[in-house]
Amino acid sequence: MKKKMAPAPPKEYRFFDDVYAVVRLIPKGRVTSYGAIAAYLGTKMSARMVGWAMNAAHGLKEVPAHRVVNRQGLLTGKHHFETPTTMQKRLQREGVRVVKDQVQDFAKHFWDPAKEL
């Protein structure tokens, strides 16, 4: 009589890891939005979850969280950095102009993973 093997457990889905993998691909001098990342990952309605992932990423140096803004180019995540101006300073060092927490020439700097990857 053959012994029945238990089925292998399903692979655990790690949404935050997928978000971080996309964010690592954003080129310097470009920005993307929470919604664009969610749409690329096939979870268009999960922009807020992408935001949660970005909030949790601030201890991860290899994740350039400063390149993720809202759909209008606003630095809505700036309060989760070391100082309220850190996000802006990092973007400006990469050539992205920011005025009053708003990315200037947003369309020019916008990186859409669905089109670029």
N, C-alpha and C. Protein backbone atom coordinates (compact mmCIF):
# COMPACT_ATOMS: atom_id res chain seq x y z
N MET A 1 0.84 -1.17 0.00
CA MET A 1 0.00 0.00 0.00
C MET A 1 0.89 1.25 0.00
N LYS A 2 0.59 2.16 -0.91
CA LYS A 2 1.38 3.39 -1.00
C LYS A 2 0.97 4.38 0.08
N LYS A 3 1.96 5.02 0.59
CA LYS A 3 1.71 6.04 1.60
C LYS A 3 1.35 7.34 0.88
N LYS A 4 0.27 7.99 1.29
CA LYS A 4 -0.14 9.26 0.68
C LYS A 4 0.75 10.38 1.18
N MET A 5 1.23 11.17 0.23
CA MET A 5 2.06 12.32 0.58
C MET A 5 1.16 13.53 0.73
N ALA A 6 1.45 14.32 1.70
CA ALA A 6 0.70 15.57 1.88
C ALA A 6 1.06 16.51 0.74
N PRO A 7 0.07 17.26 0.23
CA PRO A 7 0.40 18.21 -0.84
C PRO A 7 1.35 19.28 -0.32
N ALA A 8 2.18 19.75 -1.23
CA ALA A 8 3.12 20.83 -0.85
C ALA A 8 2.32 22.08 -0.53
N PRO A 9 2.74 22.78 0.49
CA PRO A 9 2.02 24.02 0.82
C PRO A 9 2.17 25.02 -0.33
N PRO A 10 1.15 25.84 -0.56
CA PRO A 10 1.25 26.83 -1.65
C PRO A 10 2.35 27.84 -1.34
N LYS A 11 2.97 28.34 -2.40
CA LYS A 11 4.01 29.35 -2.22
C LYS A 11 3.38 30.60 -1.63
N GLU A 12 4.01 31.11 -0.61
CA GLU A 12 3.48 32.29 0.05
C GLU A 12 3.67 33.50 -0.86
N TYR A 13 2.60 34.25 -1.06
CA TYR A 13 2.67 35.45 -1.89
C TYR A 13 3.06 36.61 -1.00
N ARG A 14 4.09 37.31 -1.41
CA ARG A 14 4.62 38.40 -0.62
C ARG A 14 4.50 39.70 -1.42
N PHE A 15 3.38 40.36 -1.27
CA PHE A 15 3.07 41.56 -2.04
C PHE A 15 4.13 42.65 -1.86
N PHE A 16 4.55 42.90 -0.63
CA PHE A 16 5.54 43.94 -0.39
C PHE A 16 6.83 43.65 -1.16
N ASP A 17 7.26 42.39 -1.20
CA ASP A 17 8.47 42.04 -1.94
C ASP A 17 8.32 42.34 -3.43
N ASP A 18 7.14 42.09 -3.97
CA ASP A 18 6.90 42.41 -5.39
C ASP A 18 6.94 43.92 -5.62
N VAL A 19 6.37 44.68 -4.69
CA VAL A 19 6.40 46.14 -4.79
C VAL A 19 7.85 46.61 -4.77
N TYR A 20 8.65 46.11 -3.84
CA TYR A 20 10.04 46.53 -3.72
C TYR A 20 10.83 46.18 -4.98
N ALA A 21 10.53 45.04 -5.58
CA ALA A 21 11.22 44.64 -6.80
C ALA A 21 10.96 45.66 -7.92
N VAL A 22 9.73 46.15 -8.03
CA VAL A 22 9.40 47.15 -9.04
C VAL A 22 10.08 48.47 -8.71
N VAL A 23 10.01 48.89 -7.46
CA VAL A 23 10.58 50.18 -7.05
C VAL A 23 12.09 50.21 -7.30
N ARG A 24 12.76 49.08 -7.12
CA ARG A 24 14.20 49.03 -7.38
C ARG A 24 14.53 49.29 -8.85
N LEU A 25 13.57 49.12 -9.73
CA LEU A 25 13.79 49.30 -11.17
C LEU A 25 13.54 50.73 -11.65
N ILE A 26 12.99 51.58 -10.79
CA ILE A 26 12.72 52.97 -11.20
C ILE A 26 14.07 53.65 -11.43
N PRO A 27 14.29 54.17 -12.63
CA PRO A 27 15.58 54.82 -12.90
C PRO A 27 15.75 56.12 -12.10
N LYS A 28 16.99 56.48 -11.84
CA LYS A 28 17.28 57.76 -11.20
C LYS A 28 16.71 58.87 -12.06
N GLY A 29 16.17 59.88 -11.40
CA GLY A 29 15.61 61.01 -12.12
C GLY A 29 14.20 60.78 -12.64
N ARG A 30 13.60 59.67 -12.26
CA ARG A 30 12.23 59.35 -12.66
C ARG A 30 11.41 59.05 -11.41
N VAL A 31 10.10 59.16 -11.54
CA VAL A 31 9.18 58.84 -10.44
C VAL A 31 8.04 58.01 -10.99
N THR A 32 7.39 57.30 -10.11
CA THR A 32 6.17 56.58 -10.48
C THR A 32 5.16 56.76 -9.35
N SER A 33 3.97 56.23 -9.56
CA SER A 33 2.91 56.39 -8.56
C SER A 33 2.56 55.06 -7.91
N TYR A 34 1.92 55.17 -6.78
CA TYR A 34 1.44 53.98 -6.08
C TYR A 34 0.51 53.18 -6.99
N GLY A 35 -0.38 53.88 -7.67
CA GLY A 35 -1.34 53.22 -8.55
C GLY A 35 -0.69 52.55 -9.75
N ALA A 36 0.35 53.16 -10.31
CA ALA A 36 1.04 52.55 -11.46
C ALA A 36 1.71 51.25 -11.05
N ILE A 37 2.27 51.22 -9.85
CA ILE A 37 2.89 49.98 -9.36
C ILE A 37 1.81 48.92 -9.14
N ALA A 38 0.71 49.31 -8.51
CA ALA A 38 -0.38 48.36 -8.26
C ALA A 38 -0.91 47.80 -9.58
N ALA A 39 -1.12 48.66 -10.56
CA ALA A 39 -1.63 48.20 -11.85
C ALA A 39 -0.65 47.24 -12.51
N TYR A 40 0.63 47.54 -12.46
CA TYR A 40 1.64 46.66 -13.04
C TYR A 40 1.62 45.29 -12.38
N LEU A 41 1.38 45.26 -11.08
CA LEU A 41 1.35 43.99 -10.35
C LEU A 41 0.02 43.25 -10.51
N GLY A 42 -0.90 43.84 -11.28
CA GLY A 42 -2.18 43.18 -11.53
C GLY A 42 -3.18 43.38 -10.43
N THR A 43 -2.94 44.34 -9.57
CA THR A 43 -3.85 44.62 -8.46
C THR A 43 -4.19 46.11 -8.47
N LYS A 44 -4.80 46.55 -9.54
CA LYS A 44 -5.05 47.97 -9.79
C LYS A 44 -5.69 48.70 -8.61
N MET A 45 -6.50 48.01 -7.85
CA MET A 45 -7.20 48.65 -6.72
C MET A 45 -6.37 48.65 -5.43
N SER A 46 -5.11 48.30 -5.53
CA SER A 46 -4.29 48.16 -4.32
C SER A 46 -3.26 49.27 -4.15
N ALA A 47 -3.51 50.45 -4.68
CA ALA A 47 -2.56 51.56 -4.54
C ALA A 47 -2.27 51.85 -3.08
N ARG A 48 -3.26 51.76 -2.25
CA ARG A 48 -3.07 52.02 -0.82
C ARG A 48 -2.11 51.00 -0.20
N MET A 49 -2.23 49.75 -0.63
CA MET A 49 -1.31 48.72 -0.12
C MET A 49 0.12 49.00 -0.58
N VAL A 50 0.29 49.54 -1.78
CA VAL A 50 1.62 49.93 -2.24
C VAL A 50 2.15 51.02 -1.30
N GLY A 51 1.29 51.94 -0.91
CA GLY A 51 1.68 52.97 0.05
C GLY A 51 2.13 52.37 1.37
N TRP A 52 1.43 51.36 1.83
CA TRP A 52 1.83 50.70 3.08
C TRP A 52 3.20 50.05 2.91
N ALA A 53 3.42 49.44 1.74
CA ALA A 53 4.73 48.83 1.47
C ALA A 53 5.82 49.89 1.50
N MET A 54 5.55 51.05 0.92
CA MET A 54 6.54 52.13 0.92
C MET A 54 6.81 52.63 2.33
N ASN A 55 5.79 52.71 3.15
CA ASN A 55 5.97 53.13 4.55
C ASN A 55 6.87 52.14 5.29
N ALA A 56 6.74 50.87 4.95
CA ALA A 56 7.53 49.83 5.61
C ALA A 56 8.94 49.72 5.03
N ALA A 57 9.22 50.40 3.93
CA ALA A 57 10.50 50.25 3.22
C ALA A 57 11.59 51.19 3.72
N HIS A 58 11.28 52.06 4.63
CA HIS A 58 12.25 53.10 4.97
C HIS A 58 13.48 52.60 5.70
N GLY A 59 13.50 51.39 6.14
CA GLY A 59 14.72 50.83 6.70
C GLY A 59 15.52 50.06 5.66
N LEU A 60 14.99 49.97 4.45
CA LEU A 60 15.64 49.21 3.39
C LEU A 60 16.35 50.16 2.43
N LYS A 61 17.65 50.27 2.55
CA LYS A 61 18.41 51.24 1.76
C LYS A 61 18.34 50.97 0.27
N GLU A 62 18.16 49.71 -0.12
CA GLU A 62 18.17 49.37 -1.54
C GLU A 62 16.83 49.65 -2.24
N VAL A 63 15.85 50.15 -1.50
CA VAL A 63 14.53 50.47 -2.07
C VAL A 63 14.41 51.99 -2.13
N PRO A 64 14.46 52.58 -3.35
CA PRO A 64 14.39 54.03 -3.47
C PRO A 64 12.96 54.56 -3.33
N ALA A 65 12.44 54.51 -2.12
CA ALA A 65 11.05 54.89 -1.85
C ALA A 65 10.77 56.34 -2.21
N HIS A 66 11.79 57.18 -2.25
CA HIS A 66 11.58 58.60 -2.58
C HIS A 66 11.09 58.79 -4.01
N ARG A 67 11.20 57.78 -4.86
CA ARG A 67 10.77 57.89 -6.26
C ARG A 67 9.30 57.52 -6.46
N VAL A 68 8.58 57.24 -5.38
CA VAL A 68 7.17 56.88 -5.48
C VAL A 68 6.34 58.02 -4.90
N VAL A 69 5.47 58.56 -5.74
CA VAL A 69 4.63 59.71 -5.37
C VAL A 69 3.18 59.37 -5.68
N ASN A 70 2.28 60.29 -5.41
CA ASN A 70 0.88 60.00 -5.73
C ASN A 70 0.62 60.28 -7.21
N ARG A 71 -0.58 60.02 -7.66
CA ARG A 71 -0.90 60.10 -9.10
C ARG A 71 -0.82 61.51 -9.67
N GLN A 72 -0.74 62.50 -8.81
CA GLN A 72 -0.61 63.89 -9.26
C GLN A 72 0.82 64.42 -9.11
N GLY A 73 1.72 63.56 -8.64
CA GLY A 73 3.10 63.97 -8.45
C GLY A 73 3.38 64.62 -7.12
N LEU A 74 2.47 64.48 -6.18
CA LEU A 74 2.66 65.05 -4.84
C LEU A 74 3.48 64.11 -3.95
N LEU A 75 4.31 64.69 -3.12
CA LEU A 75 5.15 63.92 -2.21
C LEU A 75 4.37 63.55 -0.96
N THR A 76 3.36 62.72 -1.12
CA THR A 76 2.48 62.38 -0.01
C THR A 76 3.17 61.50 1.04
N GLY A 77 4.27 60.86 0.69
CA GLY A 77 4.97 60.00 1.64
C GLY A 77 6.10 60.68 2.37
N LYS A 78 6.24 61.98 2.21
CA LYS A 78 7.40 62.70 2.75
C LYS A 78 7.53 62.61 4.27
N HIS A 79 6.43 62.43 4.97
CA HIS A 79 6.46 62.39 6.44
C HIS A 79 7.02 61.08 6.99
N HIS A 80 7.23 60.12 6.11
CA HIS A 80 7.76 58.82 6.55
C HIS A 80 9.27 58.73 6.40
N PHE A 81 9.90 59.82 5.97
CA PHE A 81 11.36 59.88 5.84
C PHE A 81 11.96 60.50 7.10
N GLU A 82 13.29 60.52 7.14
CA GLU A 82 14.00 61.03 8.32
C GLU A 82 13.53 62.44 8.69
N THR A 83 13.37 63.29 7.68
CA THR A 83 12.85 64.65 7.89
C THR A 83 11.80 64.90 6.81
N PRO A 84 10.93 65.88 6.98
CA PRO A 84 9.92 66.17 5.95
C PRO A 84 10.50 66.65 4.61
N THR A 85 11.77 67.01 4.58
CA THR A 85 12.37 67.48 3.32
C THR A 85 13.30 66.45 2.67
N THR A 86 13.51 65.31 3.32
CA THR A 86 14.42 64.30 2.78
C THR A 86 13.99 63.80 1.41
N MET A 87 12.72 63.52 1.23
CA MET A 87 12.22 63.01 -0.05
C MET A 87 12.50 64.00 -1.17
N GLN A 88 12.18 65.26 -0.92
CA GLN A 88 12.41 66.31 -1.92
C GLN A 88 13.90 66.44 -2.24
N LYS A 89 14.73 66.44 -1.23
CA LYS A 89 16.18 66.59 -1.45
C LYS A 89 16.73 65.44 -2.28
N ARG A 90 16.28 64.22 -2.01
CA ARG A 90 16.76 63.07 -2.78
C ARG A 90 16.34 63.17 -4.24
N LEU A 91 15.10 63.57 -4.47
CA LEU A 91 14.63 63.73 -5.85
C LEU A 91 15.40 64.84 -6.56
N GLN A 92 15.63 65.94 -5.87
CA GLN A 92 16.33 67.05 -6.50
C GLN A 92 17.78 66.69 -6.82
N ARG A 93 18.41 65.87 -5.99
CA ARG A 93 19.77 65.40 -6.29
C ARG A 93 19.79 64.57 -7.58
N GLU A 94 18.66 63.98 -7.92
CA GLU A 94 18.56 63.16 -9.13
C GLU A 94 18.05 63.97 -10.33
N GLY A 95 17.86 65.28 -10.14
CA GLY A 95 17.44 66.13 -11.24
C GLY A 95 15.94 66.34 -11.37
N VAL A 96 15.19 65.91 -10.37
CA VAL A 96 13.73 66.09 -10.38
C VAL A 96 13.42 67.36 -9.59
N ARG A 97 12.85 68.34 -10.25
CA ARG A 97 12.52 69.60 -9.59
C ARG A 97 11.21 69.44 -8.82
N VAL A 98 11.20 69.90 -7.58
CA VAL A 98 10.03 69.81 -6.71
C VAL A 98 9.74 71.20 -6.15
N VAL A 99 8.50 71.65 -6.29
CA VAL A 99 8.08 72.94 -5.76
C VAL A 99 6.81 72.70 -4.94
N LYS A 100 6.85 73.11 -3.69
CA LYS A 100 5.71 72.95 -2.77
C LYS A 100 5.20 71.50 -2.77
N ASP A 101 6.13 70.57 -2.61
CA ASP A 101 5.83 69.14 -2.53
C ASP A 101 5.22 68.57 -3.82
N GLN A 102 5.40 69.23 -4.93
CA GLN A 102 4.84 68.80 -6.22
C GLN A 102 5.99 68.61 -7.21
N VAL A 103 6.05 67.42 -7.83
CA VAL A 103 7.05 67.18 -8.88
C VAL A 103 6.69 68.05 -10.08
N GLN A 104 7.65 68.84 -10.53
CA GLN A 104 7.45 69.68 -11.71
C GLN A 104 7.72 68.84 -12.96
N ASP A 105 7.02 69.15 -14.04
CA ASP A 105 7.15 68.36 -15.27
C ASP A 105 6.90 66.88 -14.97
N PHE A 106 5.84 66.63 -14.23
CA PHE A 106 5.53 65.27 -13.78
C PHE A 106 5.46 64.29 -14.94
N ALA A 107 4.80 64.67 -16.03
CA ALA A 107 4.67 63.76 -17.18
C ALA A 107 6.04 63.39 -17.75
N LYS A 108 6.96 64.32 -17.74
CA LYS A 108 8.31 64.08 -18.26
C LYS A 108 9.07 63.09 -17.37
N HIS A 109 8.88 63.18 -16.08
CA HIS A 109 9.61 62.33 -15.13
C HIS A 109 8.88 61.02 -14.81
N PHE A 110 7.62 60.92 -15.22
CA PHE A 110 6.82 59.75 -14.85
C PHE A 110 7.33 58.49 -15.54
N TRP A 111 7.51 57.46 -14.76
CA TRP A 111 7.95 56.14 -15.23
C TRP A 111 6.83 55.15 -15.00
N ASP A 112 6.28 54.61 -16.08
CA ASP A 112 5.17 53.66 -15.97
C ASP A 112 5.71 52.26 -16.18
N PRO A 113 5.76 51.44 -15.12
CA PRO A 113 6.32 50.10 -15.26
C PRO A 113 5.59 49.25 -16.29
N ALA A 114 4.31 49.48 -16.51
CA ALA A 114 3.55 48.70 -17.49
C ALA A 114 4.05 48.96 -18.91
N LYS A 115 4.58 50.15 -19.14
CA LYS A 115 5.09 50.51 -20.48
C LYS A 115 6.59 50.32 -20.59
N GLU A 116 7.30 50.49 -19.50
CA GLU A 116 8.76 50.50 -19.54
C GLU A 116 9.40 49.13 -19.28
N LEU A 117 8.64 48.22 -18.68
CA LEU A 117 9.20 46.90 -18.39
C LEU A 117 8.68 45.84 -19.36
